[in-house]
Amino acid sequence: MSDTAAQTPTQLLVQSNISGTMKVESRDGDNVGSVHAFMVHKGTGRVTHAVLSLGGFLGMGKSFYPLPFALLQFDAVRDLYVVTIDKRVLEGGPSWANNAPVFDQAYADRVASYYGSSREDLVVG
């Protein structure tokens, strides 16, 4: 193993894309977007973040917004997630359009800081 390989940290999260559309609504019932993927901790299998898909038309122009999973509430009756964060706040948060960032501890901390949520320790299994 080379020195470079030994110093490269293992990516601790894996992105699990959703094949169908899982709607996300506000508390008031307004459409916010949909869940595009979940970020799953490789060691524990626990979902740490949901990646929301907002905007776009016919699959073009979508943007993706990571959100700490604890900020979503599942509504089993309507089979969707409810988020209490205003859509404008979501749209101002960390996001990407084409190339997803490396979802490491620094990026997870940035997401948590933006939403004022608890820090997710990705190293602890």
C-alpha atoms as a PDB file:
ATOM      1  CA  MET A   1       0.000   0.000   0.000  1.00  0.00           C
ATOM      2  CA  SER A   2       1.410   3.399  -0.918  1.00  0.00           C
ATOM      3  CA  ASP A   3       1.659   6.298   1.538  1.00  0.00           C
ATOM      4  CA  THR A   4      -1.041   8.168  -0.398  1.00  0.00           C
ATOM      5  CA  ALA A   5      -3.476   5.262  -0.140  1.00  0.00           C
ATOM      6  CA  ALA A   6      -2.780   4.907   3.581  1.00  0.00           C
ATOM      7  CA  GLN A   7      -3.591   8.588   4.151  1.00  0.00           C
ATOM      8  CA  THR A   8      -6.790   8.633   2.083  1.00  0.00           C
ATOM      9  CA  PRO A   9      -9.735   8.262   4.454  1.00  0.00           C
ATOM     10  CA  THR A  10     -12.431   5.745   3.627  1.00  0.00           C
ATOM     11  CA  GLN A  11     -15.704   7.310   2.535  1.00  0.00           C
ATOM     12  CA  LEU A  12     -17.960   6.475   5.484  1.00  0.00           C
ATOM     13  CA  LEU A  13     -21.291   7.197   3.798  1.00  0.00           C
ATOM     14  CA  VAL A  14     -22.809   5.571   0.761  1.00  0.00           C
ATOM     15  CA  GLN A  15     -25.563   7.174  -1.291  1.00  0.00           C
ATOM     16  CA  SER A  16     -28.646   5.009  -1.734  1.00  0.00           C
ATOM     17  CA  ASN A  17     -30.799   6.411  -4.536  1.00  0.00           C
ATOM     18  CA  ILE A  18     -34.565   6.072  -4.451  1.00  0.00           C
ATOM     19  CA  SER A  19     -35.992   4.569  -7.641  1.00  0.00           C
ATOM     20  CA  GLY A  20     -39.473   6.028  -7.203  1.00  0.00           C
ATOM     21  CA  THR A  21     -40.639   9.389  -6.020  1.00  0.00           C
ATOM     22  CA  MET A  22     -40.916   9.898  -2.268  1.00  0.00           C
ATOM     23  CA  LYS A  23     -42.687  13.214  -1.803  1.00  0.00           C
ATOM     24  CA  VAL A  24     -41.684  15.823   0.751  1.00  0.00           C
ATOM     25  CA  GLU A  25     -44.207  18.375   1.966  1.00  0.00           C
ATOM     26  CA  SER A  26     -44.199  21.265   4.391  1.00  0.00           C
ATOM     27  CA  ARG A  27     -46.263  21.173   7.592  1.00  0.00           C
ATOM     28  CA  ASP A  28     -48.902  23.128   5.689  1.00  0.00           C
ATOM     29  CA  GLY A  29     -49.147  20.489   2.953  1.00  0.00           C
ATOM     30  CA  ASP A  30     -47.241  22.435   0.286  1.00  0.00           C
ATOM     31  CA  ASN A  31     -45.043  20.393  -2.041  1.00  0.00           C
ATOM     32  CA  VAL A  32     -41.369  20.936  -1.219  1.00  0.00           C
ATOM     33  CA  GLY A  33     -39.794  18.349  -3.514  1.00  0.00           C
ATOM     34  CA  SER A  34     -38.903  14.694  -3.242  1.00  0.00           C
ATOM     35  CA  VAL A  35     -36.299  12.449  -1.643  1.00  0.00           C
ATOM     36  CA  HIS A  36     -33.682  11.627  -4.259  1.00  0.00           C
ATOM     37  CA  ALA A  37     -31.431   9.526  -2.015  1.00  0.00           C
ATOM     38  CA  PHE A  38     -30.498   8.628   1.515  1.00  0.00           C
ATOM     39  CA  MET A  39     -26.940   8.847   2.841  1.00  0.00           C
ATOM     40  CA  VAL A  40     -26.289   5.644   4.760  1.00  0.00           C
ATOM     41  CA  HIS A  41     -23.429   5.083   7.213  1.00  0.00           C
ATOM     42  CA  LYS A  42     -21.495   2.047   5.984  1.00  0.00           C
ATOM     43  CA  GLY A  43     -20.625   0.820   9.464  1.00  0.00           C
ATOM     44  CA  THR A  44     -24.017   1.106  11.136  1.00  0.00           C
ATOM     45  CA  GLY A  45     -26.469   1.039   8.225  1.00  0.00           C
ATOM     46  CA  ARG A  46     -28.118   4.109   9.750  1.00  0.00           C
ATOM     47  CA  VAL A  47     -29.475   6.864   7.509  1.00  0.00           C
ATOM     48  CA  THR A  48     -27.732  10.127   8.410  1.00  0.00           C
ATOM     49  CA  HIS A  49     -29.074  12.450   5.694  1.00  0.00           C
ATOM     50  CA  ALA A  50     -31.762  12.652   3.055  1.00  0.00           C
ATOM     51  CA  VAL A  51     -30.884  14.265  -0.269  1.00  0.00           C
ATOM     52  CA  LEU A  52     -33.881  16.240  -1.484  1.00  0.00           C
ATOM     53  CA  SER A  53     -34.512  17.002  -5.123  1.00  0.00           C
ATOM     54  CA  LEU A  54     -36.041  20.406  -5.757  1.00  0.00           C
ATOM     55  CA  GLY A  55     -37.031  22.075  -8.981  1.00  0.00           C
ATOM     56  CA  GLY A  56     -36.347  20.982 -12.494  1.00  0.00           C
ATOM     57  CA  PHE A  57     -38.612  19.962 -15.316  1.00  0.00           C
ATOM     58  CA  LEU A  58     -38.661  16.496 -16.900  1.00  0.00           C
ATOM     59  CA  GLY A  59     -35.468  15.614 -15.059  1.00  0.00           C
ATOM     60  CA  MET A  60     -33.563  18.686 -16.250  1.00  0.00           C
ATOM     61  CA  GLY A  61     -32.340  21.479 -13.990  1.00  0.00           C
ATOM     62  CA  LYS A  62     -32.817  19.671 -10.688  1.00  0.00           C
ATOM     63  CA  SER A  63     -30.804  20.663  -7.673  1.00  0.00           C
ATOM     64  CA  PHE A  64     -30.006  18.404  -4.745  1.00  0.00           C
ATOM     65  CA  TYR A  65     -30.077  19.471  -1.099  1.00  0.00           C
ATOM     66  CA  PRO A  66     -28.735  17.319   1.750  1.00  0.00           C
ATOM     67  CA  LEU A  67     -30.733  17.545   4.950  1.00  0.00           C
ATOM     68  CA  PRO A  68     -30.046  15.876   8.306  1.00  0.00           C
ATOM     69  CA  PHE A  69     -32.444  12.926   8.415  1.00  0.00           C
ATOM     70  CA  ALA A  70     -33.651  13.898  11.904  1.00  0.00           C
ATOM     71  CA  LEU A  71     -35.328  16.978  10.364  1.00  0.00           C
ATOM     72  CA  LEU A  72     -37.762  14.809   8.396  1.00  0.00           C
ATOM     73  CA  GLN A  73     -40.873  13.193   9.817  1.00  0.00           C
ATOM     74  CA  PHE A  74     -42.486  10.266   8.023  1.00  0.00           C
ATOM     75  CA  ASP A  75     -46.268  10.412   7.542  1.00  0.00           C
ATOM     76  CA  ALA A  76     -47.257   6.755   7.172  1.00  0.00           C
ATOM     77  CA  VAL A  77     -50.865   7.556   6.270  1.00  0.00           C
ATOM     78  CA  ARG A  78     -49.902   9.703   3.274  1.00  0.00           C
ATOM     79  CA  ASP A  79     -46.627   7.813   2.568  1.00  0.00           C
ATOM     80  CA  LEU A  80     -44.466  10.925   2.435  1.00  0.00           C
ATOM     81  CA  TYR A  81     -42.019  12.952   4.494  1.00  0.00           C
ATOM     82  CA  VAL A  82     -42.875  16.217   6.200  1.00  0.00           C
ATOM     83  CA  VAL A  83     -40.223  18.859   6.793  1.00  0.00           C
ATOM     84  CA  THR A  84     -40.672  21.845   9.087  1.00  0.00           C
ATOM     85  CA  ILE A  85     -38.059  23.959   7.322  1.00  0.00           C
ATOM     86  CA  ASP A  86     -39.260  26.655   4.938  1.00  0.00           C
ATOM     87  CA  LYS A  87     -38.543  25.881   1.279  1.00  0.00           C
ATOM     88  CA  ARG A  88     -36.647  29.186   0.905  1.00  0.00           C
ATOM     89  CA  VAL A  89     -34.319  28.130   3.731  1.00  0.00           C
ATOM     90  CA  LEU A  90     -33.764  24.774   1.992  1.00  0.00           C
ATOM     91  CA  GLU A  91     -33.029  26.512  -1.312  1.00  0.00           C
ATOM     92  CA  GLY A  92     -30.382  28.661   0.403  1.00  0.00           C
ATOM     93  CA  GLY A  93     -28.632  25.681   1.951  1.00  0.00           C
ATOM     94  CA  PRO A  94     -25.766  23.469   0.820  1.00  0.00           C
ATOM     95  CA  SER A  95     -26.579  21.979  -2.572  1.00  0.00           C
ATOM     96  CA  TRP A  96     -25.301  20.811  -5.930  1.00  0.00           C
ATOM     97  CA  ALA A  97     -26.676  20.503  -9.441  1.00  0.00           C
ATOM     98  CA  ASN A  98     -24.313  18.221 -11.371  1.00  0.00           C
ATOM     99  CA  ASN A  99     -21.465  16.898  -9.256  1.00  0.00           C
ATOM    100  CA  ALA A 100     -22.147  15.775  -5.718  1.00  0.00           C
ATOM    101  CA  PRO A 101     -19.535  16.854  -3.164  1.00  0.00           C
ATOM    102  CA  VAL A 102     -17.488  14.384  -1.152  1.00  0.00           C
ATOM    103  CA  PHE A 103     -19.825  13.745   1.769  1.00  0.00           C
ATOM    104  CA  ASP A 104     -17.175  13.654   4.478  1.00  0.00           C
ATOM    105  CA  GLN A 105     -17.179  14.884   8.073  1.00  0.00           C
ATOM    106  CA  ALA A 106     -16.479  18.493   7.043  1.00  0.00           C
ATOM    107  CA  TYR A 107     -19.414  18.520   4.618  1.00  0.00           C
ATOM    108  CA  ALA A 108     -21.734  16.845   7.141  1.00  0.00           C
ATOM    109  CA  ASP A 109     -20.685  19.494   9.698  1.00  0.00           C
ATOM    110  CA  ARG A 110     -21.434  22.250   7.169  1.00  0.00           C
ATOM    111  CA  VAL A 111     -24.933  20.843   6.576  1.00  0.00           C
ATOM    112  CA  ALA A 112     -25.599  20.484  10.325  1.00  0.00           C
ATOM    113  CA  SER A 113     -24.347  24.013  10.989  1.00  0.00           C
ATOM    114  CA  TYR A 114     -26.556  25.509   8.282  1.00  0.00           C
ATOM    115  CA  TYR A 115     -29.685  23.869   9.691  1.00  0.00           C
ATOM    116  CA  GLY A 116     -28.700  24.313  13.337  1.00  0.00           C
ATOM    117  CA  SER A 117     -28.986  20.581  13.961  1.00  0.00           C
ATOM    118  CA  SER A 118     -26.839  18.245  16.020  1.00  0.00           C
ATOM    119  CA  ARG A 119     -23.452  17.312  14.604  1.00  0.00           C
ATOM    120  CA  GLU A 120     -23.411  13.834  13.093  1.00  0.00           C
ATOM    121  CA  ASP A 121     -20.181  12.043  14.039  1.00  0.00           C
ATOM    122  CA  LEU A 122     -19.432   9.935  10.970  1.00  0.00           C
ATOM    123  CA  VAL A 123     -16.385   8.213  12.469  1.00  0.00           C
ATOM    124  CA  VAL A 124     -18.247   6.583  15.339  1.00  0.00           C
ATOM    125  CA  GLY A 125     -19.914   3.364  14.199  1.00  0.00           C
END
